[in-house]
All heavy atoms as atom14 arrays in JSON, in Angstrom:
{
  "sequence": "KNNSDGKPVTVLPAMQAAVIFPFKVKPLNEK",
  "atom14_mask": [
    [1, 1, 1, 1, 1, 1, 1, 1, 1, 0, 0, 0, 0, 0],
    [1, 1, 1, 1, 1, 1, 1, 1, 0, 0, 0, 0, 0, 0],
    [1, 1, 1, 1, 1, 1, 1, 1, 0, 0, 0, 0, 0, 0],
    [1, 1, 1, 1, 1, 1, 0, 0, 0, 0, 0, 0, 0, 0],
    [1, 1, 1, 1, 1, 1, 1, 1, 0, 0, 0, 0, 0, 0],
    [1, 1, 1, 1, 0, 0, 0, 0, 0, 0, 0, 0, 0, 0],
    [1, 1, 1, 1, 1, 1, 1, 1, 1, 0, 0, 0, 0, 0],
    [1, 1, 1, 1, 1, 1, 1, 0, 0, 0, 0, 0, 0, 0],
    [1, 1, 1, 1, 1, 1, 1, 0, 0, 0, 0, 0, 0, 0],
    [1, 1, 1, 1, 1, 1, 1, 0, 0, 0, 0, 0, 0, 0],
    [1, 1, 1, 1, 1, 1, 1, 0, 0, 0, 0, 0, 0, 0],
    [1, 1, 1, 1, 1, 1, 1, 1, 0, 0, 0, 0, 0, 0],
    [1, 1, 1, 1, 1, 1, 1, 0, 0, 0, 0, 0, 0, 0],
    [1, 1, 1, 1, 1, 0, 0, 0, 0, 0, 0, 0, 0, 0],
    [1, 1, 1, 1, 1, 1, 1, 1, 0, 0, 0, 0, 0, 0],
    [1, 1, 1, 1, 1, 1, 1, 1, 1, 0, 0, 0, 0, 0],
    [1, 1, 1, 1, 1, 0, 0, 0, 0, 0, 0, 0, 0, 0],
    [1, 1, 1, 1, 1, 0, 0, 0, 0, 0, 0, 0, 0, 0],
    [1, 1, 1, 1, 1, 1, 1, 0, 0, 0, 0, 0, 0, 0],
    [1, 1, 1, 1, 1, 1, 1, 1, 0, 0, 0, 0, 0, 0],
    [1, 1, 1, 1, 1, 1, 1, 1, 1, 1, 1, 0, 0, 0],
    [1, 1, 1, 1, 1, 1, 1, 0, 0, 0, 0, 0, 0, 0],
    [1, 1, 1, 1, 1, 1, 1, 1, 1, 1, 1, 0, 0, 0],
    [1, 1, 1, 1, 1, 1, 1, 1, 1, 0, 0, 0, 0, 0],
    [1, 1, 1, 1, 1, 1, 1, 0, 0, 0, 0, 0, 0, 0],
    [1, 1, 1, 1, 1, 1, 1, 1, 1, 0, 0, 0, 0, 0],
    [1, 1, 1, 1, 1, 1, 1, 0, 0, 0, 0, 0, 0, 0],
    [1, 1, 1, 1, 1, 1, 1, 1, 0, 0, 0, 0, 0, 0],
    [1, 1, 1, 1, 1, 1, 1, 1, 0, 0, 0, 0, 0, 0],
    [1, 1, 1, 1, 1, 1, 1, 1, 1, 0, 0, 0, 0, 0],
    [1, 1, 1, 1, 1, 1, 1, 1, 1, 0, 0, 0, 0, 0]
  ],
  "atom14_positions": [
    [[104.79, 85.23, 94.4], [105.23, 84.29, 95.43], [105.81, 85.08, 96.6], [105.97, 86.3, 96.52], [106.28, 83.34, 94.87], [107.56, 84.0, 94.39], [108.52, 82.96, 93.83], [109.83, 83.59, 93.39], [110.78, 82.57, 92.88], [0.0, 0.0, 0.0], [0.0, 0.0, 0.0], [0.0, 0.0, 0.0], [0.0, 0.0, 0.0], [0.0, 0.0, 0.0]],
    [[106.11, 84.42, 97.7], [106.69, 85.07, 98.86], [108.2, 84.92, 98.83], [108.72, 83.86, 98.47], [106.14, 84.47, 100.16], [104.68, 84.79, 100.37], [104.14, 85.68, 99.72], [104.03, 84.06, 101.24], [0.0, 0.0, 0.0], [0.0, 0.0, 0.0], [0.0, 0.0, 0.0], [0.0, 0.0, 0.0], [0.0, 0.0, 0.0], [0.0, 0.0, 0.0]],
    [[108.89, 86.0, 99.22], [110.35, 85.89, 99.29], [110.75, 85.21, 100.6], [109.9, 84.75, 101.38], [111.0, 87.27, 99.14], [110.61, 88.21, 100.28], [110.06, 87.79, 101.3], [110.88, 89.49, 100.1], [0.0, 0.0, 0.0], [0.0, 0.0, 0.0], [0.0, 0.0, 0.0], [0.0, 0.0, 0.0], [0.0, 0.0, 0.0], [0.0, 0.0, 0.0]],
    [[112.04, 85.14, 100.87], [112.54, 84.41, 102.04], [112.07, 85.02, 103.35], [112.08, 84.35, 104.39], [114.07, 84.35, 102.01], [114.61, 85.67, 101.99], [0.0, 0.0, 0.0], [0.0, 0.0, 0.0], [0.0, 0.0, 0.0], [0.0, 0.0, 0.0], [0.0, 0.0, 0.0], [0.0, 0.0, 0.0], [0.0, 0.0, 0.0], [0.0, 0.0, 0.0]],
    [[111.67, 86.29, 103.31], [111.22, 86.96, 104.53], [109.7, 86.95, 104.66], [109.13, 87.6, 105.52], [111.74, 88.4, 104.54], [111.86, 88.95, 105.95], [111.89, 88.14, 106.89], [111.89, 90.17, 106.1], [0.0, 0.0, 0.0], [0.0, 0.0, 0.0], [0.0, 0.0, 0.0], [0.0, 0.0, 0.0], [0.0, 0.0, 0.0], [0.0, 0.0, 0.0]],
    [[109.02, 86.25, 103.73], [107.57, 86.13, 103.81], [106.79, 87.23, 103.15], [105.57, 87.26, 103.2], [0.0, 0.0, 0.0], [0.0, 0.0, 0.0], [0.0, 0.0, 0.0], [0.0, 0.0, 0.0], [0.0, 0.0, 0.0], [0.0, 0.0, 0.0], [0.0, 0.0, 0.0], [0.0, 0.0, 0.0], [0.0, 0.0, 0.0], [0.0, 0.0, 0.0]],
    [[107.47, 88.17, 102.48], [106.78, 89.29, 101.86], [106.4, 88.96, 100.42], [107.24, 88.47, 99.66], [107.68, 90.53, 101.88], [107.02, 91.78, 101.33], [107.96, 92.97, 101.46], [107.33, 94.22, 100.88], [108.22, 95.39, 100.96], [0.0, 0.0, 0.0], [0.0, 0.0, 0.0], [0.0, 0.0, 0.0], [0.0, 0.0, 0.0], [0.0, 0.0, 0.0]],
    [[105.14, 89.21, 100.01], [104.74, 88.9, 98.63], [105.49, 89.76, 97.62], [105.6, 90.97, 97.79], [103.24, 89.22, 98.61], [102.84, 89.3, 100.05], [104.04, 89.74, 100.8], [0.0, 0.0, 0.0], [0.0, 0.0, 0.0], [0.0, 0.0, 0.0], [0.0, 0.0, 0.0], [0.0, 0.0, 0.0], [0.0, 0.0, 0.0], [0.0, 0.0, 0.0]],
    [[106.0, 89.17, 96.6], [106.66, 89.9, 95.52], [106.17, 89.35, 94.19], [105.75, 88.2, 94.1], [108.21, 89.78, 95.58], [108.75, 90.44, 96.83], [108.64, 88.33, 95.54], [0.0, 0.0, 0.0], [0.0, 0.0, 0.0], [0.0, 0.0, 0.0], [0.0, 0.0, 0.0], [0.0, 0.0, 0.0], [0.0, 0.0, 0.0], [0.0, 0.0, 0.0]],
    [[106.21, 90.18, 93.17], [105.84, 89.74, 91.82], [107.1, 89.55, 91.0], [107.91, 90.45, 90.88], [104.93, 90.77, 91.14], [103.75, 90.93, 91.93], [104.54, 90.31, 89.74], [0.0, 0.0, 0.0], [0.0, 0.0, 0.0], [0.0, 0.0, 0.0], [0.0, 0.0, 0.0], [0.0, 0.0, 0.0], [0.0, 0.0, 0.0], [0.0, 0.0, 0.0]],
    [[107.25, 88.37, 90.46], [108.43, 88.05, 89.66], [108.0, 87.98, 88.21], [107.07, 87.26, 87.85], [109.05, 86.7, 90.1], [110.26, 86.38, 89.25], [109.43, 86.76, 91.57], [0.0, 0.0, 0.0], [0.0, 0.0, 0.0], [0.0, 0.0, 0.0], [0.0, 0.0, 0.0], [0.0, 0.0, 0.0], [0.0, 0.0, 0.0], [0.0, 0.0, 0.0]],
    [[108.67, 88.73, 87.35], [108.35, 88.75, 85.94], [109.45, 88.05, 85.15], [110.6, 88.06, 85.54], [108.23, 90.2, 85.45], [107.1, 90.99, 86.11], [107.23, 92.46, 85.77], [105.76, 90.47, 85.64], [0.0, 0.0, 0.0], [0.0, 0.0, 0.0], [0.0, 0.0, 0.0], [0.0, 0.0, 0.0], [0.0, 0.0, 0.0], [0.0, 0.0, 0.0]],
    [[109.1, 87.44, 84.03], [110.1, 86.78, 83.2], [111.13, 87.76, 82.7], [110.92, 88.97, 82.72], [109.28, 86.21, 82.04], [107.87, 86.2, 82.52], [107.75, 87.33, 83.48], [0.0, 0.0, 0.0], [0.0, 0.0, 0.0], [0.0, 0.0, 0.0], [0.0, 0.0, 0.0], [0.0, 0.0, 0.0], [0.0, 0.0, 0.0], [0.0, 0.0, 0.0]],
    [[112.26, 87.25, 82.25], [113.29, 88.09, 81.69], [112.73, 88.85, 80.49], [111.78, 88.42, 79.85], [114.49, 87.24, 81.27], [0.0, 0.0, 0.0], [0.0, 0.0, 0.0], [0.0, 0.0, 0.0], [0.0, 0.0, 0.0], [0.0, 0.0, 0.0], [0.0, 0.0, 0.0], [0.0, 0.0, 0.0], [0.0, 0.0, 0.0], [0.0, 0.0, 0.0]],
    [[113.3, 89.98, 80.19], [112.93, 90.81, 79.04], [111.68, 91.65, 79.28], [111.21, 92.33, 78.4], [112.72, 89.98, 77.76], [113.96, 89.24, 77.29], [115.23, 90.35, 76.68], [114.45, 90.96, 75.19], [0.0, 0.0, 0.0], [0.0, 0.0, 0.0], [0.0, 0.0, 0.0], [0.0, 0.0, 0.0], [0.0, 0.0, 0.0], [0.0, 0.0, 0.0]],
    [[111.1, 91.61, 80.48], [109.88, 92.39, 80.69], [109.87, 93.02, 82.08], [109.93, 92.32, 83.09], [108.64, 91.51, 80.54], [107.34, 92.21, 80.9], [107.0, 93.29, 79.9], [107.29, 93.15, 78.74], [106.38, 94.36, 80.34], [0.0, 0.0, 0.0], [0.0, 0.0, 0.0], [0.0, 0.0, 0.0], [0.0, 0.0, 0.0], [0.0, 0.0, 0.0]],
    [[109.82, 94.34, 82.12], [109.68, 95.05, 83.38], [108.23, 95.44, 83.59], [107.48, 95.62, 82.63], [110.56, 96.3, 83.38], [0.0, 0.0, 0.0], [0.0, 0.0, 0.0], [0.0, 0.0, 0.0], [0.0, 0.0, 0.0], [0.0, 0.0, 0.0], [0.0, 0.0, 0.0], [0.0, 0.0, 0.0], [0.0, 0.0, 0.0], [0.0, 0.0, 0.0]],
    [[107.8, 95.55, 84.85], [106.41, 95.94, 85.13], [106.16, 97.36, 84.63], [105.11, 97.66, 84.07], [106.13, 95.83, 86.63], [0.0, 0.0, 0.0], [0.0, 0.0, 0.0], [0.0, 0.0, 0.0], [0.0, 0.0, 0.0], [0.0, 0.0, 0.0], [0.0, 0.0, 0.0], [0.0, 0.0, 0.0], [0.0, 0.0, 0.0], [0.0, 0.0, 0.0]],
    [[107.1, 98.25, 84.87], [107.01, 99.63, 84.42], [108.36, 100.0, 83.82], [109.39, 99.74, 84.43], [106.67, 100.59, 85.58], [106.71, 102.03, 85.12], [105.31, 100.26, 86.16], [0.0, 0.0, 0.0], [0.0, 0.0, 0.0], [0.0, 0.0, 0.0], [0.0, 0.0, 0.0], [0.0, 0.0, 0.0], [0.0, 0.0, 0.0], [0.0, 0.0, 0.0]],
    [[108.36, 100.59, 82.63], [109.62, 100.96, 81.98], [109.79, 102.47, 81.97], [108.84, 103.22, 82.22], [109.68, 100.42, 80.54], [108.63, 101.11, 79.66], [109.54, 98.91, 80.51], [108.75, 100.8, 78.18], [0.0, 0.0, 0.0], [0.0, 0.0, 0.0], [0.0, 0.0, 0.0], [0.0, 0.0, 0.0], [0.0, 0.0, 0.0], [0.0, 0.0, 0.0]],
    [[111.0, 102.93, 81.68], [111.28, 104.36, 81.58], [110.78, 104.84, 80.22], [110.88, 104.11, 79.23], [112.78, 104.61, 81.73], [113.11, 106.01, 82.12], [112.89, 106.46, 83.41], [113.64, 106.9, 81.21], [113.19, 107.76, 83.78], [113.94, 108.21, 81.56], [113.73, 108.64, 82.86], [0.0, 0.0, 0.0], [0.0, 0.0, 0.0], [0.0, 0.0, 0.0]],
    [[110.25, 106.07, 80.13], [109.67, 106.51, 78.85], [110.68, 106.89, 77.77], [110.29, 107.18, 76.65], [108.83, 107.73, 79.26], [109.46, 108.22, 80.51], [109.96, 107.01, 81.21], [0.0, 0.0, 0.0], [0.0, 0.0, 0.0], [0.0, 0.0, 0.0], [0.0, 0.0, 0.0], [0.0, 0.0, 0.0], [0.0, 0.0, 0.0], [0.0, 0.0, 0.0]],
    [[111.98, 106.93, 78.08], [113.02, 107.19, 77.09], [113.91, 105.98, 76.95], [114.07, 105.2, 77.89], [113.92, 108.36, 77.51], [113.29, 109.71, 77.49], [113.98, 110.82, 77.96], [112.01, 109.92, 77.0], [113.41, 112.08, 77.96], [111.43, 111.17, 77.0], [112.13, 112.26, 77.48], [0.0, 0.0, 0.0], [0.0, 0.0, 0.0], [0.0, 0.0, 0.0]],
    [[114.53, 105.82, 75.77], [115.59, 104.83, 75.61], [116.95, 105.43, 75.96], [117.92, 104.7, 76.13], [115.61, 104.29, 74.18], [114.49, 103.31, 73.87], [114.75, 102.52, 72.61], [114.72, 103.37, 71.37], [114.82, 102.55, 70.13], [0.0, 0.0, 0.0], [0.0, 0.0, 0.0], [0.0, 0.0, 0.0], [0.0, 0.0, 0.0], [0.0, 0.0, 0.0]],
    [[117.02, 106.75, 76.07], [118.26, 107.44, 76.41], [118.09, 108.14, 77.74], [116.96, 108.4, 78.18], [118.63, 108.47, 75.32], [118.89, 107.77, 74.0], [117.53, 109.51, 75.16], [0.0, 0.0, 0.0], [0.0, 0.0, 0.0], [0.0, 0.0, 0.0], [0.0, 0.0, 0.0], [0.0, 0.0, 0.0], [0.0, 0.0, 0.0], [0.0, 0.0, 0.0]],
    [[119.19, 108.46, 78.39], [119.11, 109.17, 79.66], [118.68, 110.62, 79.42], [119.14, 111.26, 78.48], [120.48, 109.17, 80.36], [120.85, 107.84, 80.98], [122.12, 107.98, 81.79], [122.46, 106.68, 82.51], [123.67, 106.82, 83.34], [0.0, 0.0, 0.0], [0.0, 0.0, 0.0], [0.0, 0.0, 0.0], [0.0, 0.0, 0.0], [0.0, 0.0, 0.0]],
    [[117.78, 111.16, 80.26], [117.4, 112.57, 80.13], [118.61, 113.47, 80.36], [119.56, 113.08, 81.05], [116.35, 112.75, 81.23], [115.89, 111.38, 81.57], [117.06, 110.48, 81.34], [0.0, 0.0, 0.0], [0.0, 0.0, 0.0], [0.0, 0.0, 0.0], [0.0, 0.0, 0.0], [0.0, 0.0, 0.0], [0.0, 0.0, 0.0], [0.0, 0.0, 0.0]],
    [[118.57, 114.67, 79.81], [119.67, 115.61, 80.0], [119.72, 116.11, 81.44], [120.75, 116.63, 81.89], [119.51, 116.8, 79.04], [119.57, 116.45, 77.54], [119.37, 117.7, 76.71], [120.89, 115.78, 77.2], [0.0, 0.0, 0.0], [0.0, 0.0, 0.0], [0.0, 0.0, 0.0], [0.0, 0.0, 0.0], [0.0, 0.0, 0.0], [0.0, 0.0, 0.0]],
    [[118.61, 115.98, 82.17], [118.61, 116.37, 83.58], [118.7, 115.15, 84.49], [118.19, 115.13, 85.59], [117.39, 117.22, 83.93], [116.06, 116.54, 83.63], [115.98, 115.66, 82.77], [115.02, 116.94, 84.32], [0.0, 0.0, 0.0], [0.0, 0.0, 0.0], [0.0, 0.0, 0.0], [0.0, 0.0, 0.0], [0.0, 0.0, 0.0], [0.0, 0.0, 0.0]],
    [[119.39, 114.12, 84.0], [119.75, 112.95, 84.81], [121.01, 113.29, 85.59], [121.71, 114.27, 85.3], [119.98, 111.75, 83.88], [120.31, 110.44, 84.56], [119.13, 109.89, 85.34], [118.26, 109.24, 84.75], [119.11, 110.13, 86.55], [0.0, 0.0, 0.0], [0.0, 0.0, 0.0], [0.0, 0.0, 0.0], [0.0, 0.0, 0.0], [0.0, 0.0, 0.0]],
    [[121.33, 112.5, 86.59], [122.56, 112.69, 87.35], [123.75, 112.62, 86.39], [123.88, 111.69, 85.61], [122.69, 111.62, 88.42], [123.92, 111.77, 89.3], [123.95, 110.71, 90.39], [125.17, 110.88, 91.27], [125.23, 109.83, 92.33], [0.0, 0.0, 0.0], [0.0, 0.0, 0.0], [0.0, 0.0, 0.0], [0.0, 0.0, 0.0], [0.0, 0.0, 0.0]]
  ]
}
């Protein structure tokens, strides 16, 4: 759907991201 500014966005249901991080924990070279 379009957001308030007219730009198309994809909205996904709760519990599902389009792309997830490959770890469940933060990498050791994270901030």
